[in-house]
Amino acid sequence: MPGPGRAERFTLTSGIVSLHPSSTALPGHGVIESLANGLGWWALVAALVGLVLGAAAWALGSHTNNYQYASSGRRAVLVSALAALVIGAAPEVINFLFGAGQSAH
């Protein structure tokens, strides 16, 4: 059964946690960074393949007057382009959001 003053103790200790990301704080930071870079490269290759195949389907569908193939190809091109955009912008987006979170008090 909580005694009187329990709520006051919780509010006094709720502000002592902090976060300071550091790439050298844990062993293997270079391996994790290399892994993230490698995954980003593979994701960009997948976006490139999707873009090329989508453009081919779009062109073939347009040439043969097949609306469904043209629509699917156009969608693949747009999704692949947006995926490449997100992959390229990911580090800046993460840094922006972390900075915004750090400034919240």
N, C-alpha and C. Protein backbone atom coordinates (compact mmCIF):
# COMPACT_ATOMS: atom_id res chain seq x y z
N MET A 1 0.85 -1.17 0.00
CA MET A 1 0.00 0.00 0.00
C MET A 1 0.89 1.24 0.00
N PRO A 2 0.68 2.12 -0.99
CA PRO A 2 1.54 3.29 -1.07
C PRO A 2 1.28 4.26 0.07
N GLY A 3 2.33 4.77 0.59
CA GLY A 3 2.22 5.72 1.68
C GLY A 3 2.11 7.14 1.16
N PRO A 4 1.87 8.06 2.07
CA PRO A 4 1.81 9.46 1.65
C PRO A 4 3.20 9.91 1.18
N GLY A 5 3.23 10.71 0.16
CA GLY A 5 4.50 11.20 -0.34
C GLY A 5 5.08 10.37 -1.47
N ARG A 6 4.46 9.25 -1.82
CA ARG A 6 4.98 8.41 -2.90
C ARG A 6 4.96 9.15 -4.24
N ALA A 7 3.93 9.90 -4.52
CA ALA A 7 3.83 10.65 -5.77
C ALA A 7 4.91 11.73 -5.85
N GLU A 8 5.21 12.37 -4.72
CA GLU A 8 6.23 13.41 -4.72
C GLU A 8 7.61 12.83 -5.04
N ARG A 9 7.92 11.64 -4.52
CA ARG A 9 9.21 11.03 -4.80
C ARG A 9 9.35 10.68 -6.27
N PHE A 10 8.26 10.23 -6.90
CA PHE A 10 8.32 9.88 -8.32
C PHE A 10 8.56 11.12 -9.17
N THR A 11 7.89 12.20 -8.88
CA THR A 11 8.06 13.39 -9.70
C THR A 11 9.44 14.01 -9.51
N LEU A 12 10.04 13.85 -8.36
CA LEU A 12 11.38 14.40 -8.16
C LEU A 12 12.43 13.61 -8.93
N THR A 13 12.25 12.31 -9.09
CA THR A 13 13.25 11.48 -9.77
C THR A 13 12.95 11.28 -11.24
N SER A 14 11.86 11.83 -11.77
CA SER A 14 11.52 11.57 -13.16
C SER A 14 12.39 12.35 -14.13
N GLY A 15 13.15 13.34 -13.71
CA GLY A 15 13.95 14.15 -14.61
C GLY A 15 15.43 13.82 -14.62
N ILE A 16 15.86 12.69 -14.10
CA ILE A 16 17.29 12.40 -14.02
C ILE A 16 17.78 11.52 -15.16
N VAL A 17 16.93 11.11 -16.06
CA VAL A 17 17.35 10.27 -17.17
C VAL A 17 17.78 11.16 -18.32
N SER A 18 18.90 10.82 -18.96
CA SER A 18 19.36 11.59 -20.11
C SER A 18 19.89 10.64 -21.17
N LEU A 19 20.02 11.15 -22.38
CA LEU A 19 20.50 10.35 -23.51
C LEU A 19 21.49 11.17 -24.30
N HIS A 20 22.68 10.62 -24.49
CA HIS A 20 23.73 11.26 -25.27
C HIS A 20 24.31 10.21 -26.20
N PRO A 21 23.76 10.06 -27.43
CA PRO A 21 24.25 9.04 -28.35
C PRO A 21 25.73 9.23 -28.68
N SER A 22 26.45 8.14 -28.70
CA SER A 22 27.87 8.17 -29.02
C SER A 22 28.21 6.93 -29.82
N SER A 23 28.92 7.11 -30.92
CA SER A 23 29.27 5.97 -31.75
C SER A 23 30.38 5.12 -31.13
N THR A 24 31.08 5.67 -30.15
CA THR A 24 32.18 4.92 -29.53
C THR A 24 31.80 4.34 -28.17
N ALA A 25 30.53 4.46 -27.78
CA ALA A 25 30.12 4.01 -26.45
C ALA A 25 30.08 2.48 -26.33
N LEU A 26 29.87 1.78 -27.40
CA LEU A 26 29.81 0.32 -27.37
C LEU A 26 30.82 -0.26 -28.35
N PRO A 27 31.32 -1.45 -28.06
CA PRO A 27 32.22 -2.08 -29.03
C PRO A 27 31.42 -2.51 -30.27
N GLY A 28 32.09 -2.50 -31.40
CA GLY A 28 31.44 -2.92 -32.63
C GLY A 28 30.70 -1.82 -33.35
N HIS A 29 30.93 -0.56 -32.97
CA HIS A 29 30.21 0.54 -33.60
C HIS A 29 30.54 0.62 -35.09
N GLY A 30 31.75 0.31 -35.47
CA GLY A 30 32.13 0.33 -36.89
C GLY A 30 31.39 -0.75 -37.68
N VAL A 31 31.22 -1.91 -37.07
CA VAL A 31 30.51 -3.00 -37.74
C VAL A 31 29.05 -2.63 -37.95
N ILE A 32 28.42 -2.04 -36.94
CA ILE A 32 27.01 -1.66 -37.06
C ILE A 32 26.85 -0.57 -38.11
N GLU A 33 27.77 0.38 -38.15
CA GLU A 33 27.70 1.44 -39.16
C GLU A 33 27.89 0.87 -40.56
N SER A 34 28.82 -0.07 -40.71
CA SER A 34 29.02 -0.73 -42.01
C SER A 34 27.80 -1.53 -42.41
N LEU A 35 27.16 -2.18 -41.45
CA LEU A 35 25.95 -2.94 -41.73
C LEU A 35 24.83 -2.01 -42.20
N ALA A 36 24.67 -0.87 -41.55
CA ALA A 36 23.63 0.09 -41.96
C ALA A 36 23.93 0.62 -43.36
N ASN A 37 25.19 0.91 -43.65
CA ASN A 37 25.55 1.39 -44.99
C ASN A 37 25.31 0.32 -46.05
N GLY A 38 25.63 -0.92 -45.72
CA GLY A 38 25.39 -2.02 -46.66
C GLY A 38 23.91 -2.25 -46.91
N LEU A 39 23.10 -2.17 -45.85
CA LEU A 39 21.66 -2.32 -46.03
C LEU A 39 21.08 -1.18 -46.85
N GLY A 40 21.59 0.02 -46.65
CA GLY A 40 21.16 1.16 -47.47
C GLY A 40 21.50 0.96 -48.94
N TRP A 41 22.67 0.41 -49.21
CA TRP A 41 23.07 0.15 -50.59
C TRP A 41 22.15 -0.89 -51.24
N TRP A 42 21.87 -1.97 -50.51
CA TRP A 42 20.97 -3.00 -51.06
C TRP A 42 19.57 -2.43 -51.27
N ALA A 43 19.10 -1.58 -50.39
CA ALA A 43 17.79 -0.96 -50.55
C ALA A 43 17.76 -0.06 -51.78
N LEU A 44 18.85 0.66 -52.03
CA LEU A 44 18.92 1.50 -53.24
C LEU A 44 18.96 0.65 -54.50
N VAL A 45 19.65 -0.48 -54.46
CA VAL A 45 19.67 -1.39 -55.62
C VAL A 45 18.27 -1.92 -55.88
N ALA A 46 17.54 -2.29 -54.83
CA ALA A 46 16.17 -2.77 -54.99
C ALA A 46 15.28 -1.66 -55.56
N ALA A 47 15.47 -0.42 -55.12
CA ALA A 47 14.70 0.70 -55.67
C ALA A 47 15.03 0.91 -57.14
N LEU A 48 16.29 0.76 -57.51
CA LEU A 48 16.69 0.90 -58.91
C LEU A 48 16.05 -0.17 -59.78
N VAL A 49 16.09 -1.41 -59.32
CA VAL A 49 15.47 -2.51 -60.08
C VAL A 49 13.97 -2.28 -60.21
N GLY A 50 13.33 -1.87 -59.12
CA GLY A 50 11.90 -1.57 -59.17
C GLY A 50 11.58 -0.44 -60.14
N LEU A 51 12.44 0.56 -60.17
CA LEU A 51 12.23 1.69 -61.08
C LEU A 51 12.36 1.25 -62.53
N VAL A 52 13.38 0.46 -62.84
CA VAL A 52 13.59 0.01 -64.22
C VAL A 52 12.46 -0.92 -64.66
N LEU A 53 12.10 -1.88 -63.82
CA LEU A 53 11.02 -2.80 -64.18
C LEU A 53 9.68 -2.07 -64.28
N GLY A 54 9.43 -1.13 -63.38
CA GLY A 54 8.21 -0.35 -63.45
C GLY A 54 8.14 0.50 -64.71
N ALA A 55 9.26 1.11 -65.08
CA ALA A 55 9.28 1.91 -66.31
C ALA A 55 9.04 1.03 -67.54
N ALA A 56 9.62 -0.17 -67.54
CA ALA A 56 9.40 -1.09 -68.65
C ALA A 56 7.94 -1.52 -68.72
N ALA A 57 7.33 -1.83 -67.59
CA ALA A 57 5.92 -2.22 -67.58
C ALA A 57 5.03 -1.05 -68.00
N TRP A 58 5.38 0.14 -67.57
CA TRP A 58 4.61 1.33 -67.93
C TRP A 58 4.68 1.55 -69.45
N ALA A 59 5.89 1.46 -70.00
CA ALA A 59 6.06 1.66 -71.45
C ALA A 59 5.35 0.56 -72.24
N LEU A 60 5.50 -0.67 -71.83
CA LEU A 60 4.86 -1.78 -72.54
C LEU A 60 3.34 -1.67 -72.44
N GLY A 61 2.82 -1.33 -71.26
CA GLY A 61 1.39 -1.17 -71.10
C GLY A 61 0.84 -0.02 -71.90
N SER A 62 1.57 1.07 -71.97
CA SER A 62 1.13 2.21 -72.77
C SER A 62 1.16 1.89 -74.26
N HIS A 63 2.20 1.19 -74.68
CA HIS A 63 2.35 0.84 -76.10
C HIS A 63 1.26 -0.13 -76.56
N THR A 64 0.85 -1.04 -75.70
CA THR A 64 -0.15 -2.04 -76.08
C THR A 64 -1.57 -1.63 -75.65
N ASN A 65 -1.71 -0.39 -75.17
CA ASN A 65 -3.01 0.11 -74.70
C ASN A 65 -3.61 -0.75 -73.60
N ASN A 66 -2.75 -1.28 -72.74
CA ASN A 66 -3.21 -2.07 -71.60
C ASN A 66 -3.13 -1.17 -70.37
N TYR A 67 -4.29 -0.68 -69.95
CA TYR A 67 -4.35 0.29 -68.86
C TYR A 67 -3.81 -0.30 -67.55
N GLN A 68 -4.11 -1.57 -67.29
CA GLN A 68 -3.68 -2.17 -66.02
C GLN A 68 -2.16 -2.27 -65.92
N TYR A 69 -1.49 -2.69 -66.99
CA TYR A 69 -0.02 -2.76 -66.98
C TYR A 69 0.59 -1.36 -66.86
N ALA A 70 0.02 -0.41 -67.60
CA ALA A 70 0.54 0.96 -67.53
C ALA A 70 0.37 1.53 -66.14
N SER A 71 -0.78 1.29 -65.53
CA SER A 71 -1.02 1.79 -64.18
C SER A 71 -0.10 1.14 -63.16
N SER A 72 0.08 -0.17 -63.27
CA SER A 72 0.98 -0.88 -62.34
C SER A 72 2.42 -0.41 -62.51
N GLY A 73 2.84 -0.21 -63.74
CA GLY A 73 4.20 0.28 -63.99
C GLY A 73 4.41 1.68 -63.46
N ARG A 74 3.42 2.54 -63.66
CA ARG A 74 3.52 3.91 -63.15
C ARG A 74 3.60 3.90 -61.62
N ARG A 75 2.80 3.05 -60.99
CA ARG A 75 2.84 2.94 -59.53
C ARG A 75 4.20 2.44 -59.06
N ALA A 76 4.77 1.46 -59.76
CA ALA A 76 6.09 0.93 -59.39
C ALA A 76 7.16 2.00 -59.52
N VAL A 77 7.08 2.81 -60.55
CA VAL A 77 8.05 3.89 -60.73
C VAL A 77 7.94 4.90 -59.58
N LEU A 78 6.73 5.29 -59.26
CA LEU A 78 6.54 6.27 -58.18
C LEU A 78 6.98 5.72 -56.82
N VAL A 79 6.61 4.47 -56.53
CA VAL A 79 7.00 3.88 -55.24
C VAL A 79 8.51 3.73 -55.16
N SER A 80 9.15 3.30 -56.25
CA SER A 80 10.60 3.13 -56.23
C SER A 80 11.32 4.47 -56.09
N ALA A 81 10.80 5.49 -56.75
CA ALA A 81 11.40 6.82 -56.63
C ALA A 81 11.25 7.36 -55.21
N LEU A 82 10.07 7.18 -54.62
CA LEU A 82 9.87 7.62 -53.24
C LEU A 82 10.72 6.83 -52.26
N ALA A 83 10.91 5.53 -52.53
CA ALA A 83 11.78 4.72 -51.67
C ALA A 83 13.21 5.24 -51.71
N ALA A 84 13.71 5.57 -52.90
CA ALA A 84 15.06 6.11 -53.02
C ALA A 84 15.17 7.46 -52.30
N LEU A 85 14.11 8.27 -52.40
CA LEU A 85 14.09 9.56 -51.71
C LEU A 85 14.16 9.38 -50.20
N VAL A 86 13.36 8.46 -49.68
CA VAL A 86 13.35 8.21 -48.23
C VAL A 86 14.69 7.63 -47.77
N ILE A 87 15.26 6.72 -48.54
CA ILE A 87 16.55 6.14 -48.17
C ILE A 87 17.63 7.23 -48.13
N GLY A 88 17.62 8.11 -49.11
CA GLY A 88 18.62 9.19 -49.14
C GLY A 88 18.42 10.21 -48.03
N ALA A 89 17.18 10.47 -47.69
CA ALA A 89 16.89 11.49 -46.68
C ALA A 89 16.86 10.92 -45.26
N ALA A 90 16.91 9.62 -45.10
CA ALA A 90 16.75 8.99 -43.79
C ALA A 90 17.70 9.53 -42.71
N PRO A 91 18.99 9.66 -42.97
CA PRO A 91 19.86 10.18 -41.90
C PRO A 91 19.49 11.59 -41.46
N GLU A 92 19.16 12.47 -42.42
CA GLU A 92 18.78 13.84 -42.07
C GLU A 92 17.45 13.88 -41.33
N VAL A 93 16.50 13.04 -41.74
CA VAL A 93 15.21 13.00 -41.06
C VAL A 93 15.39 12.53 -39.62
N ILE A 94 16.18 11.48 -39.43
CA ILE A 94 16.43 10.96 -38.07
C ILE A 94 17.12 12.02 -37.22
N ASN A 95 18.13 12.69 -37.78
CA ASN A 95 18.83 13.73 -37.01
C ASN A 95 17.91 14.89 -36.68
N PHE A 96 17.05 15.29 -37.63
CA PHE A 96 16.09 16.37 -37.36
C PHE A 96 15.13 15.99 -36.25
N LEU A 97 14.56 14.78 -36.33
CA LEU A 97 13.61 14.35 -35.33
C LEU A 97 14.26 14.20 -33.95
N PHE A 98 15.50 13.68 -33.91
CA PHE A 98 16.21 13.57 -32.64
C PHE A 98 16.46 14.97 -32.05
N GLY A 99 16.88 15.90 -32.90
CA GLY A 99 17.11 17.28 -32.44
C GLY A 99 15.84 17.92 -31.93
N ALA A 100 14.73 17.66 -32.62
CA ALA A 100 13.45 18.19 -32.18
C ALA A 100 13.05 17.59 -30.85
N GLY A 101 13.33 16.31 -30.68
CA GLY A 101 13.03 15.66 -29.40
C GLY A 101 13.91 16.16 -28.28
N GLN A 102 15.16 16.47 -28.58
CA GLN A 102 16.07 17.00 -27.57
C GLN A 102 15.65 18.39 -27.11
N SER A 103 15.05 19.17 -28.03
CA SER A 103 14.68 20.54 -27.65
C SER A 103 13.35 20.58 -26.90
N ALA A 104 12.60 19.49 -26.86
CA ALA A 104 11.34 19.45 -26.13
C ALA A 104 11.62 19.34 -24.63
N HIS A 105 11.05 20.23 -23.88
CA HIS A 105 11.25 20.21 -22.42
C HIS A 105 9.93 20.16 -21.73
